[in-house]
């Protein structure tokens, strides 16, 4: 993903989440800045107005390293402000597939590509917050629910029914 992709990412986000979980361009840009190697997009050819095919963004994935002891804020700017000795996890912040990209395995391919980079960087565990009943999808990738415990307040910001999940890589 590149900064130039953010307008298309925002369009996919709006298609997938409606008004419920739309994050600002500023918040998403901070995630891309934090970990550009683990933020990915997928494009498909789509007919344009002049009849020619042009690539259209069909899916995106924002992931980054994050301290194991906390959760990143929803719709907040992130910065790397933890000590080098802090244990980290690979946090999957957001993945969405536009209607034009559904059914083609884009989500799984994006996840695997970013996971390989995270593992190469030495991360050995992953966490995420599943929203809109996506926990079923994440279970298929080996994630299991975790107890929210002291993270309950931050988890609530992700919406009703949000599920904290994790797995070893």
C-alpha atoms as a PDB file:
ATOM      1  CA  UNK A   1       0.000   0.000   0.000  1.00  0.00           C
ATOM      2  CA  UNK A   2       1.072   3.565  -0.690  1.00  0.00           C
ATOM      3  CA  UNK A   3      -0.282   6.879   0.575  1.00  0.00           C
ATOM      4  CA  UNK A   4      -1.749   7.456  -2.898  1.00  0.00           C
ATOM      5  CA  UNK A   5      -4.009   4.416  -2.310  1.00  0.00           C
ATOM      6  CA  UNK A   6      -5.758   5.975   0.711  1.00  0.00           C
ATOM      7  CA  UNK A   7      -8.649   7.641  -1.198  1.00  0.00           C
ATOM      8  CA  UNK A   8      -9.523   4.282  -2.781  1.00  0.00           C
ATOM      9  CA  UNK A   9      -9.097   2.557   0.601  1.00  0.00           C
ATOM     10  CA  UNK A  10     -11.575   5.022   2.126  1.00  0.00           C
ATOM     11  CA  UNK A  11     -14.053   4.245  -0.663  1.00  0.00           C
ATOM     12  CA  UNK A  12     -13.770   0.484   0.003  1.00  0.00           C
ATOM     13  CA  UNK A  13     -14.092   1.122   3.745  1.00  0.00           C
ATOM     14  CA  UNK A  14     -17.349   3.039   3.163  1.00  0.00           C
ATOM     15  CA  UNK A  15     -18.708   0.215   0.965  1.00  0.00           C
ATOM     16  CA  UNK A  16     -17.933  -2.404   3.604  1.00  0.00           C
ATOM     17  CA  UNK A  17     -18.748  -0.628   6.861  1.00  0.00           C
ATOM     18  CA  UNK A  18     -21.280   2.062   6.047  1.00  0.00           C
ATOM     19  CA  UNK A  19     -21.199   4.753   8.712  1.00  0.00           C
ATOM     20  CA  UNK A  20     -20.638   2.348  11.600  1.00  0.00           C
ATOM     21  CA  UNK A  21     -16.859   1.838  11.594  1.00  0.00           C
ATOM     22  CA  UNK A  22     -15.452   4.389   9.163  1.00  0.00           C
ATOM     23  CA  UNK A  23     -12.055   5.655  10.298  1.00  0.00           C
ATOM     24  CA  UNK A  24     -10.435   8.900   9.240  1.00  0.00           C
ATOM     25  CA  UNK A  25      -7.807   9.150   6.546  1.00  0.00           C
ATOM     26  CA  UNK A  26      -5.472  10.534   9.222  1.00  0.00           C
ATOM     27  CA  UNK A  27      -5.876   7.447  11.432  1.00  0.00           C
ATOM     28  CA  UNK A  28      -5.346   5.041   8.535  1.00  0.00           C
ATOM     29  CA  UNK A  29      -2.368   6.993   7.207  1.00  0.00           C
ATOM     30  CA  UNK A  30      -0.716   6.680  10.629  1.00  0.00           C
ATOM     31  CA  UNK A  31      -1.031   2.890  10.436  1.00  0.00           C
ATOM     32  CA  UNK A  32       0.514   2.860   6.980  1.00  0.00           C
ATOM     33  CA  UNK A  33       3.366   5.066   8.217  1.00  0.00           C
ATOM     34  CA  UNK A  34       3.909   2.812  11.238  1.00  0.00           C
ATOM     35  CA  UNK A  35       4.325  -0.330   9.101  1.00  0.00           C
ATOM     36  CA  UNK A  36       4.283   0.153   5.325  1.00  0.00           C
ATOM     37  CA  UNK A  37       5.640  -3.372   4.695  1.00  0.00           C
ATOM     38  CA  UNK A  38       2.603  -5.004   6.337  1.00  0.00           C
ATOM     39  CA  UNK A  39      -0.145  -2.832   4.830  1.00  0.00           C
ATOM     40  CA  UNK A  40      -1.375  -4.203   1.522  1.00  0.00           C
ATOM     41  CA  UNK A  41      -3.923  -3.591  -1.224  1.00  0.00           C
ATOM     42  CA  UNK A  42      -5.321  -5.771  -3.999  1.00  0.00           C
ATOM     43  CA  UNK A  43      -6.611  -4.431  -7.295  1.00  0.00           C
ATOM     44  CA  UNK A  44      -8.728  -6.008 -10.009  1.00  0.00           C
ATOM     45  CA  UNK A  45      -9.283  -4.903 -13.581  1.00  0.00           C
ATOM     46  CA  UNK A  46     -12.559  -3.055 -13.963  1.00  0.00           C
ATOM     47  CA  UNK A  47     -14.089  -1.381 -16.998  1.00  0.00           C
ATOM     48  CA  UNK A  48     -13.724   2.393 -16.997  1.00  0.00           C
ATOM     49  CA  UNK A  49     -16.036   5.003 -18.516  1.00  0.00           C
ATOM     50  CA  UNK A  50     -14.182   4.910 -21.844  1.00  0.00           C
ATOM     51  CA  UNK A  51     -14.563   1.125 -22.117  1.00  0.00           C
ATOM     52  CA  UNK A  52     -10.934   0.383 -21.282  1.00  0.00           C
ATOM     53  CA  UNK A  53      -9.944  -1.755 -18.306  1.00  0.00           C
ATOM     54  CA  UNK A  54      -8.232  -0.054 -15.415  1.00  0.00           C
ATOM     55  CA  UNK A  55      -7.208  -1.372 -12.007  1.00  0.00           C
ATOM     56  CA  UNK A  56      -9.728  -0.822  -9.220  1.00  0.00           C
ATOM     57  CA  UNK A  57      -8.873  -1.286  -5.569  1.00  0.00           C
ATOM     58  CA  UNK A  58     -10.780  -4.366  -4.415  1.00  0.00           C
ATOM     59  CA  UNK A  59      -9.353  -5.023  -0.932  1.00  0.00           C
ATOM     60  CA  UNK A  60      -7.007  -3.629   1.670  1.00  0.00           C
ATOM     61  CA  UNK A  61      -5.253  -4.733   4.845  1.00  0.00           C
ATOM     62  CA  UNK A  62      -3.742  -2.590   7.628  1.00  0.00           C
ATOM     63  CA  UNK A  63      -1.435  -4.417  10.063  1.00  0.00           C
ATOM     64  CA  UNK A  64       1.432  -3.394  12.306  1.00  0.00           C
ATOM     65  CA  UNK A  65       3.492  -4.432  15.295  1.00  0.00           C
ATOM     66  CA  UNK A  66       1.968  -3.361  18.611  1.00  0.00           C
ATOM     67  CA  UNK A  67       2.823  -3.876  22.295  1.00  0.00           C
ATOM     68  CA  UNK A  68       1.301  -7.112  23.616  1.00  0.00           C
ATOM     69  CA  UNK A  69       0.118  -5.395  26.795  1.00  0.00           C
ATOM     70  CA  UNK A  70      -2.260  -2.967  25.065  1.00  0.00           C
ATOM     71  CA  UNK A  71      -4.674  -2.446  22.186  1.00  0.00           C
ATOM     72  CA  UNK A  72      -4.334   0.374  19.689  1.00  0.00           C
ATOM     73  CA  UNK A  73      -7.142   2.927  19.765  1.00  0.00           C
ATOM     74  CA  UNK A  74      -9.861   2.762  17.144  1.00  0.00           C
ATOM     75  CA  UNK A  75      -9.735   5.761  14.806  1.00  0.00           C
ATOM     76  CA  UNK A  76      -6.752   7.294  16.583  1.00  0.00           C
ATOM     77  CA  UNK A  77      -3.338   8.266  15.262  1.00  0.00           C
ATOM     78  CA  UNK A  78      -0.637   5.724  16.023  1.00  0.00           C
ATOM     79  CA  UNK A  79       3.055   6.286  16.549  1.00  0.00           C
ATOM     80  CA  UNK A  80       5.904   4.036  17.605  1.00  0.00           C
ATOM     81  CA  UNK A  81       6.379   5.269  21.148  1.00  0.00           C
ATOM     82  CA  UNK A  82       7.252   2.093  23.052  1.00  0.00           C
ATOM     83  CA  UNK A  83      10.655   0.944  24.325  1.00  0.00           C
ATOM     84  CA  UNK A  84      12.703  -1.468  22.199  1.00  0.00           C
ATOM     85  CA  UNK A  85      12.394  -4.075  24.964  1.00  0.00           C
ATOM     86  CA  UNK A  86       8.565  -4.111  24.781  1.00  0.00           C
ATOM     87  CA  UNK A  87       7.176  -7.507  23.657  1.00  0.00           C
ATOM     88  CA  UNK A  88       5.264  -7.023  20.419  1.00  0.00           C
ATOM     89  CA  UNK A  89       2.461  -8.784  18.597  1.00  0.00           C
ATOM     90  CA  UNK A  90       1.342  -8.542  14.969  1.00  0.00           C
ATOM     91  CA  UNK A  91      -1.890  -6.557  15.168  1.00  0.00           C
ATOM     92  CA  UNK A  92      -4.350  -6.832  12.304  1.00  0.00           C
ATOM     93  CA  UNK A  93      -6.169  -3.544  12.408  1.00  0.00           C
ATOM     94  CA  UNK A  94      -8.499  -3.677   9.423  1.00  0.00           C
ATOM     95  CA  UNK A  95      -9.161  -5.767   6.360  1.00  0.00           C
ATOM     96  CA  UNK A  96     -11.989  -5.152   3.940  1.00  0.00           C
ATOM     97  CA  UNK A  97     -12.940  -6.559   0.560  1.00  0.00           C
ATOM     98  CA  UNK A  98     -15.178  -4.508  -1.734  1.00  0.00           C
ATOM     99  CA  UNK A  99     -18.123  -6.255  -3.391  1.00  0.00           C
ATOM    100  CA  UNK A 100     -16.180  -6.467  -6.687  1.00  0.00           C
ATOM    101  CA  UNK A 101     -13.437  -8.478  -4.958  1.00  0.00           C
ATOM    102  CA  UNK A 102     -15.484 -10.935  -2.916  1.00  0.00           C
ATOM    103  CA  UNK A 103     -15.243 -14.654  -3.512  1.00  0.00           C
ATOM    104  CA  UNK A 104     -11.771 -14.615  -5.024  1.00  0.00           C
ATOM    105  CA  UNK A 105      -9.680 -15.303  -1.927  1.00  0.00           C
ATOM    106  CA  UNK A 106      -8.215 -11.786  -1.781  1.00  0.00           C
ATOM    107  CA  UNK A 107      -8.543 -11.483   1.999  1.00  0.00           C
ATOM    108  CA  UNK A 108      -6.667 -14.708   2.667  1.00  0.00           C
ATOM    109  CA  UNK A 109      -3.919 -13.812   0.200  1.00  0.00           C
ATOM    110  CA  UNK A 110      -3.467 -10.357   1.741  1.00  0.00           C
ATOM    111  CA  UNK A 111      -3.329 -11.904   5.224  1.00  0.00           C
ATOM    112  CA  UNK A 112      -0.724 -14.489   4.205  1.00  0.00           C
ATOM    113  CA  UNK A 113       1.480 -11.915   2.447  1.00  0.00           C
ATOM    114  CA  UNK A 114       1.506  -9.549   5.430  1.00  0.00           C
ATOM    115  CA  UNK A 115       1.905 -12.442   7.898  1.00  0.00           C
ATOM    116  CA  UNK A 116       5.048 -13.581   6.070  1.00  0.00           C
ATOM    117  CA  UNK A 117       6.553 -10.096   6.462  1.00  0.00           C
ATOM    118  CA  UNK A 118       5.571  -9.983  10.152  1.00  0.00           C
ATOM    119  CA  UNK A 119       7.170 -13.373  10.779  1.00  0.00           C
ATOM    120  CA  UNK A 120      10.305 -12.317   8.898  1.00  0.00           C
ATOM    121  CA  UNK A 121      10.412  -9.316  11.244  1.00  0.00           C
ATOM    122  CA  UNK A 122      10.408 -11.672  14.236  1.00  0.00           C
ATOM    123  CA  UNK A 123       6.785 -11.437  15.356  1.00  0.00           C
ATOM    124  CA  UNK A 124       5.434 -14.755  16.624  1.00  0.00           C
ATOM    125  CA  UNK A 125       1.883 -13.985  17.763  1.00  0.00           C
ATOM    126  CA  UNK A 126      -1.038 -12.060  16.319  1.00  0.00           C
ATOM    127  CA  UNK A 127      -4.091 -10.292  17.672  1.00  0.00           C
ATOM    128  CA  UNK A 128      -7.063  -8.572  16.112  1.00  0.00           C
ATOM    129  CA  UNK A 129     -10.514  -7.305  16.931  1.00  0.00           C
ATOM    130  CA  UNK A 130     -13.188  -8.960  14.811  1.00  0.00           C
ATOM    131  CA  UNK A 131     -16.157  -6.726  14.006  1.00  0.00           C
ATOM    132  CA  UNK A 132     -19.464  -7.239  12.204  1.00  0.00           C
ATOM    133  CA  UNK A 133     -19.497 -11.003  12.950  1.00  0.00           C
ATOM    134  CA  UNK A 134     -16.147 -11.529  11.173  1.00  0.00           C
ATOM    135  CA  UNK A 135     -14.933 -13.814  13.983  1.00  0.00           C
ATOM    136  CA  UNK A 136     -16.183 -16.779  11.922  1.00  0.00           C
ATOM    137  CA  UNK A 137     -13.780 -15.860   9.106  1.00  0.00           C
ATOM    138  CA  UNK A 138     -10.862 -15.330  11.500  1.00  0.00           C
ATOM    139  CA  UNK A 139     -11.477 -18.700  13.188  1.00  0.00           C
ATOM    140  CA  UNK A 140     -10.853 -20.332   9.805  1.00  0.00           C
ATOM    141  CA  UNK A 141      -7.403 -18.701   9.832  1.00  0.00           C
ATOM    142  CA  UNK A 142      -6.623 -20.129  13.273  1.00  0.00           C
ATOM    143  CA  UNK A 143      -7.649 -17.219  15.504  1.00  0.00           C
ATOM    144  CA  UNK A 144      -9.523 -17.860  18.751  1.00  0.00           C
ATOM    145  CA  UNK A 145     -11.364 -15.490  21.099  1.00  0.00           C
ATOM    146  CA  UNK A 146      -9.358 -13.973  23.965  1.00  0.00           C
ATOM    147  CA  UNK A 147     -10.646 -12.545  27.227  1.00  0.00           C
ATOM    148  CA  UNK A 148     -10.886  -8.765  26.936  1.00  0.00           C
ATOM    149  CA  UNK A 149     -10.063  -8.220  30.629  1.00  0.00           C
ATOM    150  CA  UNK A 150      -8.483  -4.803  31.145  1.00  0.00           C
ATOM    151  CA  UNK A 151      -8.995  -4.027  27.431  1.00  0.00           C
ATOM    152  CA  UNK A 152     -12.801  -4.007  27.695  1.00  0.00           C
ATOM    153  CA  UNK A 153     -13.107  -0.220  27.349  1.00  0.00           C
ATOM    154  CA  UNK A 154     -10.961  -0.049  24.195  1.00  0.00           C
ATOM    155  CA  UNK A 155     -12.729  -3.102  22.777  1.00  0.00           C
ATOM    156  CA  UNK A 156     -16.096  -1.385  23.244  1.00  0.00           C
ATOM    157  CA  UNK A 157     -14.949   1.439  20.930  1.00  0.00           C
ATOM    158  CA  UNK A 158     -14.845  -1.092  18.071  1.00  0.00           C
ATOM    159  CA  UNK A 159     -18.614  -1.546  18.256  1.00  0.00           C
ATOM    160  CA  UNK A 160     -21.171  -3.938  19.664  1.00  0.00           C
ATOM    161  CA  UNK A 161     -20.204  -7.575  19.309  1.00  0.00           C
ATOM    162  CA  UNK A 162     -16.479  -6.857  18.762  1.00  0.00           C
ATOM    163  CA  UNK A 163     -14.346  -9.890  19.653  1.00  0.00           C
ATOM    164  CA  UNK A 164     -10.683  -9.785  20.695  1.00  0.00           C
ATOM    165  CA  UNK A 165      -8.919 -12.728  19.021  1.00  0.00           C
ATOM    166  CA  UNK A 166      -5.398 -14.090  18.827  1.00  0.00           C
ATOM    167  CA  UNK A 167      -3.180 -16.864  17.572  1.00  0.00           C
ATOM    168  CA  UNK A 168       0.433 -17.938  17.399  1.00  0.00           C
ATOM    169  CA  UNK A 169       2.135 -17.494  14.053  1.00  0.00           C
END
